N, C-alpha and C. Protein backbone atom coordinates (compact mmCIF):
# COMPACT_ATOMS: atom_id res chain seq x y z
N MET A 1 -185.28 -19.73 71.02
CA MET A 1 -185.15 -18.27 71.15
C MET A 1 -185.40 -17.85 72.60
N ARG A 2 -184.58 -16.96 73.12
CA ARG A 2 -184.76 -16.48 74.49
C ARG A 2 -185.98 -15.60 74.59
N LEU A 3 -186.62 -15.63 75.76
CA LEU A 3 -187.81 -14.80 75.97
C LEU A 3 -187.45 -13.34 76.09
N ALA A 4 -186.31 -13.03 76.59
CA ALA A 4 -185.89 -11.63 76.70
C ALA A 4 -184.38 -11.56 76.60
N ASP A 5 -183.87 -10.57 75.89
CA ASP A 5 -182.44 -10.41 75.76
C ASP A 5 -181.85 -9.81 77.03
N GLU A 6 -180.57 -9.96 77.17
CA GLU A 6 -179.87 -9.39 78.31
C GLU A 6 -180.06 -7.87 78.32
N GLY A 7 -180.38 -7.33 79.47
CA GLY A 7 -180.61 -5.90 79.58
C GLY A 7 -182.08 -5.56 79.71
N ALA A 8 -182.96 -6.48 79.31
CA ALA A 8 -184.39 -6.24 79.47
C ALA A 8 -184.78 -6.57 80.90
N GLU A 9 -185.58 -5.71 81.51
CA GLU A 9 -186.03 -5.97 82.88
C GLU A 9 -186.96 -7.17 82.88
N PRO A 10 -186.71 -8.18 83.73
CA PRO A 10 -187.55 -9.38 83.71
C PRO A 10 -188.94 -9.09 84.22
N LEU A 11 -189.89 -9.91 83.80
CA LEU A 11 -191.24 -9.83 84.34
C LEU A 11 -191.28 -10.57 85.66
N LEU A 12 -192.46 -10.70 86.23
CA LEU A 12 -192.57 -11.36 87.52
C LEU A 12 -192.02 -12.78 87.44
N PRO A 13 -191.25 -13.21 88.43
CA PRO A 13 -190.62 -14.53 88.38
C PRO A 13 -191.60 -15.63 88.71
N VAL A 14 -192.46 -15.98 87.76
CA VAL A 14 -193.43 -17.05 87.97
C VAL A 14 -193.25 -18.08 86.87
N PRO A 15 -193.67 -19.32 87.12
CA PRO A 15 -193.61 -20.34 86.08
C PRO A 15 -194.62 -20.07 84.99
N ALA A 16 -194.61 -20.92 83.97
CA ALA A 16 -195.51 -20.70 82.83
C ALA A 16 -196.96 -20.63 83.26
N HIS A 17 -197.36 -21.37 84.26
CA HIS A 17 -198.72 -21.31 84.80
C HIS A 17 -198.60 -21.25 86.31
N ALA A 18 -198.94 -20.13 86.91
CA ALA A 18 -198.83 -19.99 88.36
C ALA A 18 -200.16 -19.50 88.92
N ALA A 19 -200.55 -20.04 90.05
CA ALA A 19 -201.83 -19.68 90.65
C ALA A 19 -201.61 -18.77 91.84
N GLY A 20 -202.58 -17.88 92.09
CA GLY A 20 -202.54 -16.99 93.24
C GLY A 20 -203.93 -16.75 93.75
N ASP A 21 -204.10 -15.69 94.53
CA ASP A 21 -205.38 -15.42 95.17
C ASP A 21 -206.20 -14.40 94.40
N ASP A 22 -207.45 -14.70 94.20
CA ASP A 22 -208.44 -13.79 93.64
C ASP A 22 -209.49 -13.59 94.73
N PRO A 23 -209.87 -12.33 95.06
CA PRO A 23 -210.73 -12.09 96.21
C PRO A 23 -212.09 -12.74 96.11
N VAL A 24 -212.55 -13.10 94.90
CA VAL A 24 -213.88 -13.68 94.75
C VAL A 24 -213.81 -15.12 94.28
N SER A 25 -213.16 -15.37 93.15
CA SER A 25 -213.16 -16.72 92.58
C SER A 25 -212.18 -17.64 93.28
N GLY A 26 -211.24 -17.07 94.07
CA GLY A 26 -210.32 -17.89 94.84
C GLY A 26 -208.96 -18.06 94.20
N THR A 27 -208.86 -17.98 92.89
CA THR A 27 -207.57 -18.14 92.23
C THR A 27 -207.43 -17.20 91.06
N TRP A 28 -206.20 -16.83 90.77
CA TRP A 28 -205.88 -16.20 89.50
C TRP A 28 -204.70 -16.96 88.92
N ILE A 29 -204.51 -16.84 87.64
CA ILE A 29 -203.47 -17.57 86.95
C ILE A 29 -202.58 -16.58 86.21
N THR A 30 -201.28 -16.66 86.45
CA THR A 30 -200.32 -15.86 85.71
C THR A 30 -199.62 -16.76 84.71
N GLU A 31 -199.70 -16.40 83.45
CA GLU A 31 -199.08 -17.17 82.38
C GLU A 31 -197.93 -16.39 81.77
N ARG A 32 -196.90 -17.11 81.37
CA ARG A 32 -195.77 -16.49 80.68
C ARG A 32 -195.54 -17.20 79.36
N GLY A 33 -195.04 -16.46 78.39
CA GLY A 33 -194.76 -17.06 77.10
C GLY A 33 -193.98 -16.08 76.24
N GLU A 34 -193.88 -16.41 74.97
CA GLU A 34 -193.23 -15.55 74.00
C GLU A 34 -194.23 -15.22 72.90
N ALA A 35 -194.35 -13.94 72.58
CA ALA A 35 -195.30 -13.49 71.57
C ALA A 35 -194.57 -12.63 70.54
N GLU A 36 -194.32 -13.20 69.38
CA GLU A 36 -193.71 -12.46 68.27
C GLU A 36 -192.41 -11.78 68.68
N GLY A 37 -191.57 -12.53 69.41
CA GLY A 37 -190.26 -12.03 69.79
C GLY A 37 -190.21 -11.26 71.08
N CYS A 38 -191.36 -11.05 71.72
CA CYS A 38 -191.42 -10.35 73.00
C CYS A 38 -191.69 -11.33 74.14
N GLN A 39 -191.20 -10.99 75.31
CA GLN A 39 -191.56 -11.74 76.50
C GLN A 39 -192.98 -11.33 76.89
N GLY A 40 -193.84 -12.32 77.11
CA GLY A 40 -195.23 -12.03 77.41
C GLY A 40 -195.67 -12.55 78.76
N GLN A 41 -196.61 -11.85 79.35
CA GLN A 41 -197.20 -12.28 80.61
C GLN A 41 -198.66 -11.86 80.64
N ALA A 42 -199.53 -12.72 81.15
CA ALA A 42 -200.95 -12.42 81.25
C ALA A 42 -201.48 -12.92 82.57
N VAL A 43 -202.34 -12.14 83.19
CA VAL A 43 -202.98 -12.51 84.45
C VAL A 43 -204.47 -12.71 84.19
N PHE A 44 -204.95 -13.93 84.41
CA PHE A 44 -206.35 -14.29 84.21
C PHE A 44 -206.97 -14.70 85.54
N SER A 45 -208.30 -14.67 85.59
CA SER A 45 -209.00 -15.32 86.68
C SER A 45 -208.86 -16.82 86.51
N GLY A 46 -209.13 -17.57 87.55
CA GLY A 46 -208.95 -19.01 87.48
C GLY A 46 -209.78 -19.67 86.40
N ASP A 47 -210.95 -19.11 86.11
CA ASP A 47 -211.81 -19.69 85.07
C ASP A 47 -211.59 -19.05 83.71
N ARG A 48 -210.62 -18.12 83.62
CA ARG A 48 -210.26 -17.41 82.39
C ARG A 48 -211.40 -16.56 81.84
N ARG A 49 -212.37 -16.29 82.65
CA ARG A 49 -213.45 -15.38 82.24
C ARG A 49 -212.94 -13.95 82.18
N TYR A 50 -211.99 -13.63 83.05
CA TYR A 50 -211.44 -12.28 83.12
C TYR A 50 -209.94 -12.31 82.83
N ARG A 51 -209.48 -11.31 82.06
CA ARG A 51 -208.05 -11.09 81.91
C ARG A 51 -207.75 -9.75 82.53
N TYR A 52 -206.95 -9.77 83.57
CA TYR A 52 -206.69 -8.56 84.33
C TYR A 52 -205.57 -7.71 83.75
N SER A 53 -204.56 -8.33 83.23
CA SER A 53 -203.46 -7.55 82.65
C SER A 53 -202.73 -8.39 81.62
N LEU A 54 -202.09 -7.69 80.71
CA LEU A 54 -201.29 -8.32 79.66
C LEU A 54 -200.03 -7.48 79.48
N THR A 55 -198.87 -8.12 79.49
CA THR A 55 -197.61 -7.39 79.42
C THR A 55 -196.74 -7.94 78.30
N ARG A 56 -196.07 -7.02 77.62
CA ARG A 56 -195.05 -7.36 76.63
C ARG A 56 -193.78 -6.62 76.99
N SER A 57 -192.64 -7.32 76.91
CA SER A 57 -191.35 -6.73 77.26
C SER A 57 -190.33 -7.13 76.21
N TRP A 58 -189.46 -6.19 75.84
CA TRP A 58 -188.43 -6.47 74.84
C TRP A 58 -187.12 -5.82 75.25
N PHE A 59 -186.09 -6.04 74.47
CA PHE A 59 -184.74 -5.62 74.82
C PHE A 59 -184.65 -4.12 75.06
N GLY A 60 -183.90 -3.75 76.09
CA GLY A 60 -183.62 -2.35 76.34
C GLY A 60 -183.91 -1.96 77.78
N THR A 61 -183.68 -0.68 78.05
CA THR A 61 -183.87 -0.15 79.41
C THR A 61 -184.74 1.10 79.36
N GLY A 62 -185.69 1.15 78.45
CA GLY A 62 -186.56 2.31 78.32
C GLY A 62 -187.69 2.29 79.34
N GLY A 63 -188.69 3.14 79.08
CA GLY A 63 -189.80 3.27 80.01
C GLY A 63 -190.87 2.21 79.79
N HIS A 64 -192.00 2.46 80.43
CA HIS A 64 -193.10 1.50 80.49
C HIS A 64 -194.37 2.23 80.06
N LEU A 65 -195.02 1.76 79.01
CA LEU A 65 -196.28 2.33 78.54
C LEU A 65 -197.42 1.47 79.09
N VAL A 66 -198.32 2.10 79.83
CA VAL A 66 -199.49 1.42 80.39
C VAL A 66 -200.72 1.93 79.66
N VAL A 67 -201.44 1.04 79.01
CA VAL A 67 -202.61 1.41 78.22
C VAL A 67 -203.87 0.87 78.90
N ILE A 68 -204.84 1.75 79.11
CA ILE A 68 -206.11 1.35 79.70
C ILE A 68 -207.16 1.31 78.59
N GLY A 69 -207.57 0.10 78.23
CA GLY A 69 -208.56 -0.09 77.19
C GLY A 69 -209.96 -0.29 77.76
N LEU A 70 -210.85 -0.77 76.90
CA LEU A 70 -212.23 -1.01 77.33
C LEU A 70 -212.38 -2.39 77.95
N ASN A 71 -212.03 -3.44 77.19
CA ASN A 71 -212.07 -4.81 77.71
C ASN A 71 -211.14 -5.69 76.88
N PRO A 72 -210.70 -6.82 77.42
CA PRO A 72 -209.78 -7.69 76.70
C PRO A 72 -210.48 -8.45 75.58
N SER A 73 -209.68 -8.78 74.55
CA SER A 73 -210.18 -9.61 73.46
C SER A 73 -209.47 -10.96 73.51
N THR A 74 -208.70 -11.32 72.50
CA THR A 74 -208.17 -12.68 72.39
C THR A 74 -206.71 -12.85 72.78
N ALA A 75 -206.00 -11.79 73.08
CA ALA A 75 -204.57 -11.89 73.35
C ALA A 75 -204.31 -12.65 74.65
N THR A 76 -203.22 -13.40 74.65
CA THR A 76 -202.77 -14.16 75.82
C THR A 76 -201.29 -13.88 76.03
N ALA A 77 -200.66 -14.63 76.92
CA ALA A 77 -199.22 -14.45 77.16
C ALA A 77 -198.41 -14.72 75.90
N SER A 78 -198.90 -15.60 75.03
CA SER A 78 -198.13 -15.98 73.85
C SER A 78 -198.83 -15.67 72.53
N VAL A 79 -199.97 -15.01 72.57
CA VAL A 79 -200.71 -14.69 71.36
C VAL A 79 -201.08 -13.21 71.37
N ASN A 80 -200.71 -12.49 70.32
CA ASN A 80 -201.10 -11.09 70.17
C ASN A 80 -202.42 -10.99 69.41
N ASP A 81 -203.16 -9.93 69.68
CA ASP A 81 -204.27 -9.57 68.80
C ASP A 81 -203.91 -8.23 68.16
N ALA A 82 -204.78 -7.73 67.30
CA ALA A 82 -204.46 -6.52 66.54
C ALA A 82 -204.21 -5.32 67.45
N THR A 83 -204.98 -5.20 68.52
CA THR A 83 -204.82 -4.05 69.41
C THR A 83 -203.47 -4.09 70.12
N ILE A 84 -203.07 -5.27 70.58
CA ILE A 84 -201.79 -5.39 71.28
C ILE A 84 -200.64 -5.07 70.33
N ARG A 85 -200.72 -5.55 69.10
CA ARG A 85 -199.67 -5.22 68.13
C ARG A 85 -199.57 -3.72 67.93
N ARG A 86 -200.72 -3.08 67.82
CA ARG A 86 -200.73 -1.63 67.59
C ARG A 86 -200.14 -0.89 68.79
N CYS A 87 -200.55 -1.29 69.97
CA CYS A 87 -200.05 -0.63 71.18
C CYS A 87 -198.56 -0.87 71.36
N ALA A 88 -198.09 -2.07 71.02
CA ALA A 88 -196.66 -2.35 71.11
C ALA A 88 -195.87 -1.45 70.16
N GLY A 89 -196.44 -1.21 68.98
CA GLY A 89 -195.79 -0.30 68.04
C GLY A 89 -195.69 1.11 68.59
N PHE A 90 -196.75 1.58 69.21
CA PHE A 90 -196.72 2.91 69.82
C PHE A 90 -195.74 2.94 70.99
N ALA A 91 -195.68 1.86 71.78
CA ALA A 91 -194.76 1.83 72.91
C ALA A 91 -193.32 1.92 72.43
N ARG A 92 -192.98 1.19 71.39
CA ARG A 92 -191.62 1.26 70.84
C ARG A 92 -191.33 2.67 70.32
N ARG A 93 -192.31 3.26 69.67
CA ARG A 93 -192.13 4.61 69.14
C ARG A 93 -191.84 5.61 70.26
N GLU A 94 -192.46 5.39 71.41
CA GLU A 94 -192.26 6.28 72.56
C GLU A 94 -190.98 5.99 73.33
N GLY A 95 -190.20 5.03 72.85
CA GLY A 95 -188.95 4.70 73.51
C GLY A 95 -189.10 3.78 74.70
N CYS A 96 -190.24 3.11 74.80
CA CYS A 96 -190.50 2.20 75.92
C CYS A 96 -190.04 0.79 75.57
N THR A 97 -189.71 0.03 76.58
CA THR A 97 -189.32 -1.37 76.39
C THR A 97 -190.29 -2.30 77.10
N ARG A 98 -191.40 -1.75 77.55
CA ARG A 98 -192.43 -2.59 78.15
C ARG A 98 -193.80 -1.96 77.91
N LEU A 99 -194.77 -2.83 77.66
CA LEU A 99 -196.16 -2.43 77.49
C LEU A 99 -197.01 -3.27 78.42
N THR A 100 -197.90 -2.61 79.16
CA THR A 100 -198.90 -3.33 79.94
C THR A 100 -200.27 -2.84 79.55
N MET A 101 -201.16 -3.78 79.28
CA MET A 101 -202.53 -3.47 78.91
C MET A 101 -203.45 -3.89 80.04
N VAL A 102 -204.23 -2.93 80.56
CA VAL A 102 -205.30 -3.21 81.50
C VAL A 102 -206.58 -2.61 80.91
N ASN A 103 -207.71 -2.85 81.56
CA ASN A 103 -208.98 -2.43 80.97
C ASN A 103 -209.97 -1.97 82.02
N LEU A 104 -210.89 -1.10 81.60
CA LEU A 104 -211.98 -0.71 82.49
C LEU A 104 -212.76 -1.93 82.94
N PHE A 105 -212.98 -2.86 81.99
CA PHE A 105 -213.72 -4.09 82.25
C PHE A 105 -212.81 -5.26 81.93
N ALA A 106 -212.71 -6.22 82.84
CA ALA A 106 -211.79 -7.34 82.65
C ALA A 106 -212.42 -8.52 81.91
N LEU A 107 -213.71 -8.46 81.62
CA LEU A 107 -214.37 -9.57 80.93
C LEU A 107 -213.76 -9.78 79.55
N VAL A 108 -213.36 -11.00 79.24
CA VAL A 108 -212.83 -11.33 77.92
C VAL A 108 -213.99 -11.47 76.95
N ALA A 109 -214.02 -10.62 75.93
CA ALA A 109 -215.11 -10.65 74.95
C ALA A 109 -214.64 -10.01 73.65
N ARG A 110 -214.80 -10.71 72.54
CA ARG A 110 -214.42 -10.13 71.26
C ARG A 110 -215.33 -8.98 70.87
N ASN A 111 -216.59 -9.08 71.22
CA ASN A 111 -217.56 -8.03 70.89
C ASN A 111 -217.87 -7.21 72.14
N PRO A 112 -217.53 -5.92 72.14
CA PRO A 112 -217.79 -5.08 73.33
C PRO A 112 -219.27 -5.02 73.73
N ARG A 113 -220.17 -5.36 72.82
CA ARG A 113 -221.59 -5.36 73.17
C ARG A 113 -221.91 -6.37 74.26
N HIS A 114 -221.04 -7.37 74.41
CA HIS A 114 -221.26 -8.35 75.46
C HIS A 114 -221.15 -7.73 76.85
N LEU A 115 -220.52 -6.56 76.94
CA LEU A 115 -220.42 -5.87 78.23
C LEU A 115 -221.78 -5.42 78.72
N LEU A 116 -222.75 -5.34 77.83
CA LEU A 116 -224.08 -4.85 78.18
C LEU A 116 -225.02 -5.97 78.60
N LEU A 117 -224.55 -7.21 78.54
CA LEU A 117 -225.44 -8.34 78.81
C LEU A 117 -225.54 -8.69 80.28
N ASP A 118 -224.55 -8.32 81.08
CA ASP A 118 -224.54 -8.60 82.51
C ASP A 118 -224.39 -7.31 83.29
N GLY A 119 -224.50 -7.41 84.60
CA GLY A 119 -224.32 -6.24 85.44
C GLY A 119 -222.89 -5.75 85.42
N ILE A 120 -222.71 -4.49 85.83
CA ILE A 120 -221.38 -3.89 85.81
C ILE A 120 -220.37 -4.68 86.64
N ALA A 121 -220.78 -5.15 87.81
CA ALA A 121 -219.85 -5.90 88.66
C ALA A 121 -219.38 -7.17 87.97
N GLN A 122 -220.26 -7.82 87.21
CA GLN A 122 -219.92 -9.08 86.55
C GLN A 122 -218.93 -8.86 85.39
N VAL A 123 -219.06 -7.75 84.69
CA VAL A 123 -218.15 -7.52 83.55
C VAL A 123 -216.88 -6.79 83.97
N THR A 124 -216.91 -6.09 85.12
CA THR A 124 -215.71 -5.42 85.60
C THR A 124 -214.68 -6.43 86.07
N GLY A 125 -215.11 -7.44 86.81
CA GLY A 125 -214.20 -8.45 87.31
C GLY A 125 -213.70 -8.13 88.71
N PRO A 126 -213.69 -9.11 89.61
CA PRO A 126 -213.22 -8.89 90.98
C PRO A 126 -211.74 -8.56 91.00
N GLY A 127 -211.38 -7.54 91.74
CA GLY A 127 -209.97 -7.18 91.85
C GLY A 127 -209.41 -6.37 90.70
N ASN A 128 -210.27 -5.94 89.75
CA ASN A 128 -209.75 -5.24 88.59
C ASN A 128 -209.17 -3.87 88.96
N ASP A 129 -209.78 -3.19 89.92
CA ASP A 129 -209.23 -1.89 90.34
C ASP A 129 -207.80 -2.04 90.83
N GLU A 130 -207.55 -3.08 91.61
CA GLU A 130 -206.21 -3.30 92.13
C GLU A 130 -205.21 -3.56 91.01
N GLN A 131 -205.64 -4.30 89.99
CA GLN A 131 -204.75 -4.59 88.87
C GLN A 131 -204.42 -3.32 88.08
N ILE A 132 -205.42 -2.46 87.91
CA ILE A 132 -205.19 -1.20 87.20
C ILE A 132 -204.18 -0.34 87.96
N MET A 133 -204.36 -0.23 89.27
CA MET A 133 -203.46 0.59 90.05
C MET A 133 -202.06 -0.01 90.10
N LEU A 134 -201.96 -1.33 90.17
CA LEU A 134 -200.65 -1.98 90.17
C LEU A 134 -199.91 -1.67 88.88
N ALA A 135 -200.64 -1.69 87.76
CA ALA A 135 -200.01 -1.39 86.47
C ALA A 135 -199.57 0.07 86.39
N CYS A 136 -200.38 0.96 86.93
CA CYS A 136 -200.08 2.40 86.81
C CYS A 136 -198.98 2.85 87.76
N PHE A 137 -198.81 2.16 88.87
CA PHE A 137 -197.76 2.52 89.82
C PHE A 137 -196.57 1.57 89.69
N GLY A 138 -196.68 0.40 90.27
CA GLY A 138 -195.60 -0.57 90.19
C GLY A 138 -194.31 -0.01 90.74
N GLN A 139 -193.21 -0.59 90.29
CA GLN A 139 -191.88 -0.16 90.69
C GLN A 139 -190.95 -0.20 89.49
N GLY A 140 -189.84 0.50 89.61
CA GLY A 140 -188.83 0.40 88.56
C GLY A 140 -188.92 1.54 87.57
N GLU A 141 -189.04 1.20 86.28
CA GLU A 141 -188.91 2.18 85.21
C GLU A 141 -190.07 3.17 85.20
N PRO A 142 -189.84 4.39 84.67
CA PRO A 142 -190.91 5.39 84.59
C PRO A 142 -192.06 4.90 83.73
N ARG A 143 -193.28 5.30 84.09
CA ARG A 143 -194.47 4.82 83.40
C ARG A 143 -195.28 5.98 82.84
N LYS A 144 -195.76 5.78 81.63
CA LYS A 144 -196.67 6.72 81.00
C LYS A 144 -198.01 6.00 80.83
N VAL A 145 -199.07 6.59 81.39
CA VAL A 145 -200.38 5.94 81.42
C VAL A 145 -201.27 6.54 80.33
N VAL A 146 -201.82 5.68 79.48
CA VAL A 146 -202.59 6.11 78.32
C VAL A 146 -204.04 5.64 78.45
N ALA A 147 -204.97 6.56 78.39
CA ALA A 147 -206.39 6.22 78.30
C ALA A 147 -206.71 5.94 76.84
N ALA A 148 -207.31 4.76 76.56
CA ALA A 148 -207.50 4.37 75.16
C ALA A 148 -208.75 3.49 75.00
N TRP A 149 -209.79 3.81 75.75
CA TRP A 149 -210.97 2.93 75.74
C TRP A 149 -211.99 3.24 74.65
N GLY A 150 -211.84 4.35 73.96
CA GLY A 150 -212.71 4.64 72.83
C GLY A 150 -214.10 5.10 73.22
N CYS A 151 -214.94 5.31 72.20
CA CYS A 151 -216.23 5.96 72.40
C CYS A 151 -217.26 5.08 73.09
N ARG A 152 -217.08 3.75 73.08
CA ARG A 152 -218.10 2.88 73.68
C ARG A 152 -218.23 3.06 75.19
N ALA A 153 -217.19 3.58 75.82
CA ALA A 153 -217.25 3.80 77.27
C ALA A 153 -218.26 4.87 77.65
N ALA A 154 -218.74 5.65 76.68
CA ALA A 154 -219.72 6.69 76.96
C ALA A 154 -221.14 6.13 77.06
N HIS A 155 -221.33 4.85 76.74
CA HIS A 155 -222.67 4.25 76.86
C HIS A 155 -223.18 4.43 78.29
N PRO A 156 -224.45 4.79 78.46
CA PRO A 156 -224.97 5.05 79.82
C PRO A 156 -224.75 3.91 80.80
N GLN A 157 -224.73 2.69 80.31
CA GLN A 157 -224.54 1.54 81.20
C GLN A 157 -223.09 1.37 81.61
N LEU A 158 -222.17 1.89 80.80
CA LEU A 158 -220.74 1.71 81.05
C LEU A 158 -220.06 2.95 81.63
N ALA A 159 -220.65 4.12 81.40
CA ALA A 159 -220.02 5.38 81.81
C ALA A 159 -219.74 5.46 83.31
N PRO A 160 -220.61 4.95 84.20
CA PRO A 160 -220.28 5.04 85.63
C PRO A 160 -218.98 4.33 85.99
N ARG A 161 -218.71 3.22 85.33
CA ARG A 161 -217.45 2.51 85.58
C ARG A 161 -216.27 3.34 85.08
N ARG A 162 -216.40 3.91 83.90
CA ARG A 162 -215.35 4.80 83.37
C ARG A 162 -215.07 5.93 84.36
N ASP A 163 -216.12 6.53 84.88
CA ASP A 163 -215.94 7.65 85.80
C ASP A 163 -215.30 7.22 87.12
N ARG A 164 -215.62 6.01 87.56
CA ARG A 164 -215.00 5.50 88.78
C ARG A 164 -213.49 5.38 88.59
N VAL A 165 -213.08 4.84 87.45
CA VAL A 165 -211.65 4.67 87.19
C VAL A 165 -210.96 6.03 87.05
N LEU A 166 -211.61 6.96 86.36
CA LEU A 166 -211.03 8.31 86.23
C LEU A 166 -210.84 8.95 87.60
N ALA A 167 -211.84 8.84 88.45
CA ALA A 167 -211.74 9.42 89.79
C ALA A 167 -210.64 8.75 90.60
N MET A 168 -210.52 7.44 90.47
CA MET A 168 -209.50 6.69 91.19
C MET A 168 -208.10 7.13 90.75
N LEU A 169 -207.89 7.27 89.46
CA LEU A 169 -206.58 7.69 88.96
C LEU A 169 -206.27 9.12 89.36
N ALA A 170 -207.28 10.00 89.28
CA ALA A 170 -207.07 11.40 89.67
C ALA A 170 -206.75 11.50 91.15
N GLY A 171 -207.37 10.64 91.96
CA GLY A 171 -207.11 10.66 93.40
C GLY A 171 -205.68 10.35 93.76
N TYR A 172 -205.01 9.61 92.89
CA TYR A 172 -203.60 9.28 93.11
C TYR A 172 -202.66 10.15 92.29
N GLY A 173 -203.21 11.17 91.64
CA GLY A 173 -202.38 12.12 90.91
C GLY A 173 -201.73 11.57 89.66
N ILE A 174 -202.36 10.58 89.03
CA ILE A 174 -201.79 9.97 87.83
C ILE A 174 -202.14 10.81 86.61
N GLN A 175 -201.14 11.26 85.89
CA GLN A 175 -201.33 12.03 84.66
C GLN A 175 -201.69 11.09 83.52
N LEU A 176 -202.81 11.33 82.88
CA LEU A 176 -203.23 10.52 81.75
C LEU A 176 -202.78 11.14 80.43
N HIS A 177 -202.54 10.26 79.46
CA HIS A 177 -202.24 10.66 78.10
C HIS A 177 -203.25 9.99 77.17
N ALA A 178 -203.33 10.46 75.95
CA ALA A 178 -204.24 9.87 74.96
C ALA A 178 -203.72 10.13 73.56
N PHE A 179 -204.21 9.33 72.62
CA PHE A 179 -203.89 9.53 71.20
C PHE A 179 -204.96 10.41 70.55
N GLY A 180 -205.47 11.36 71.30
CA GLY A 180 -206.51 12.24 70.81
C GLY A 180 -207.84 11.94 71.48
N ILE A 181 -208.80 12.83 71.25
CA ILE A 181 -210.11 12.74 71.89
C ILE A 181 -211.19 12.65 70.80
N THR A 182 -212.17 11.78 71.01
CA THR A 182 -213.27 11.64 70.05
C THR A 182 -214.23 12.82 70.17
N ARG A 183 -215.20 12.88 69.25
CA ARG A 183 -216.21 13.93 69.30
C ARG A 183 -217.02 13.88 70.60
N ASP A 184 -217.14 12.68 71.16
CA ASP A 184 -217.90 12.50 72.41
C ASP A 184 -217.05 12.78 73.65
N GLY A 185 -215.80 13.17 73.44
CA GLY A 185 -214.94 13.49 74.57
C GLY A 185 -214.24 12.29 75.19
N GLU A 186 -214.23 11.16 74.48
CA GLU A 186 -213.55 9.97 74.99
C GLU A 186 -212.17 9.85 74.36
N PRO A 187 -211.22 9.20 75.07
CA PRO A 187 -209.89 8.99 74.48
C PRO A 187 -209.98 8.00 73.32
N LYS A 188 -209.31 8.29 72.23
CA LYS A 188 -209.41 7.46 71.04
C LYS A 188 -208.79 6.07 71.26
N HIS A 189 -209.42 5.08 70.64
CA HIS A 189 -208.87 3.73 70.63
C HIS A 189 -207.72 3.71 69.61
N PRO A 190 -206.61 3.07 69.92
CA PRO A 190 -205.43 3.17 69.05
C PRO A 190 -205.45 2.30 67.80
N LEU A 191 -206.37 1.36 67.68
CA LEU A 191 -206.25 0.32 66.66
C LEU A 191 -206.10 0.87 65.25
N TYR A 192 -206.93 1.82 64.86
CA TYR A 192 -206.93 2.29 63.47
C TYR A 192 -206.27 3.66 63.30
N LEU A 193 -205.53 4.10 64.30
CA LEU A 193 -204.88 5.40 64.20
C LEU A 193 -203.57 5.29 63.41
N PRO A 194 -203.19 6.33 62.68
CA PRO A 194 -201.90 6.33 61.98
C PRO A 194 -200.74 6.17 62.97
N SER A 195 -199.67 5.56 62.52
CA SER A 195 -198.54 5.29 63.40
C SER A 195 -197.90 6.57 63.94
N GLY A 196 -198.10 7.68 63.25
CA GLY A 196 -197.52 8.95 63.70
C GLY A 196 -198.42 9.75 64.62
N THR A 197 -199.56 9.20 65.01
CA THR A 197 -200.48 9.93 65.89
C THR A 197 -199.79 10.31 67.19
N PRO A 198 -199.75 11.60 67.56
CA PRO A 198 -199.04 12.00 68.77
C PRO A 198 -199.76 11.56 70.04
N LEU A 199 -198.99 11.30 71.04
CA LEU A 199 -199.49 10.98 72.37
C LEU A 199 -199.39 12.23 73.22
N VAL A 200 -200.53 12.71 73.72
CA VAL A 200 -200.54 14.00 74.40
C VAL A 200 -201.18 13.88 75.79
N PRO A 201 -200.76 14.73 76.74
CA PRO A 201 -201.41 14.73 78.06
C PRO A 201 -202.86 15.19 77.95
N VAL A 202 -203.74 14.60 78.74
CA VAL A 202 -205.14 14.99 78.77
C VAL A 202 -205.61 15.06 80.21
N ASN A 203 -206.70 15.78 80.43
CA ASN A 203 -207.26 15.91 81.77
C ASN A 203 -208.70 15.40 81.75
N LEU A 204 -208.84 14.10 81.60
CA LEU A 204 -210.17 13.49 81.55
C LEU A 204 -210.82 13.42 82.92
N ALA A 205 -210.04 13.57 83.99
CA ALA A 205 -210.59 13.41 85.32
C ALA A 205 -211.66 14.46 85.62
N LEU A 206 -211.62 15.58 84.94
CA LEU A 206 -212.63 16.61 85.18
C LEU A 206 -214.02 16.15 84.80
N ARG A 207 -214.11 15.07 84.02
CA ARG A 207 -215.41 14.58 83.58
C ARG A 207 -215.97 13.56 84.56
N ALA A 208 -215.18 13.14 85.53
CA ALA A 208 -215.62 12.10 86.43
C ALA A 208 -216.74 12.60 87.35
N ARG A 209 -217.70 11.72 87.60
CA ARG A 209 -218.79 12.04 88.51
C ARG A 209 -218.64 11.21 89.77
N PRO A 210 -219.04 11.76 90.93
CA PRO A 210 -218.89 11.00 92.18
C PRO A 210 -219.78 9.78 92.19
């Protein structure tokens, strides 16, 4: 089976395992594969402690949905997890032919509580800001950026990082969208939302602190 049908914009032209520069650990690894009929790409740190971005691409010439979550779980270039499946469904619904997932924290952890075990710098990951901005800007098709990190980002230990990212995005004039707002004022996580949940513009940057 082909990784992408004719007409789909190709992902970065790298081999299945390609190494590059990471400002701290020295290397990053870009992996490519096929995940449930989609072309997949994932960028990890050399030790795979951090996943900086995850992309899915399928047939068509639509837009690009960029989702900013809390932290990565188990998905790779060729393996989906429940959140990626859900976000891909929303991306297709929005008429997009590409999904990119980035996160406030790049540490790979199934349990978000693990974000509280180390310092913010250790769980954020070196170069994560650059990866977020690359996903939100990039080149080519129009992009819609979705905040989707859920209520856990309001934890006192994690909130400063959330606010840093909000301020960074606002500084570049990036319009955020969300699948609704929680009682705590955080953008809802998409995993358990109904498939018809509307995607609406939000102004979360007003909550950012210097």
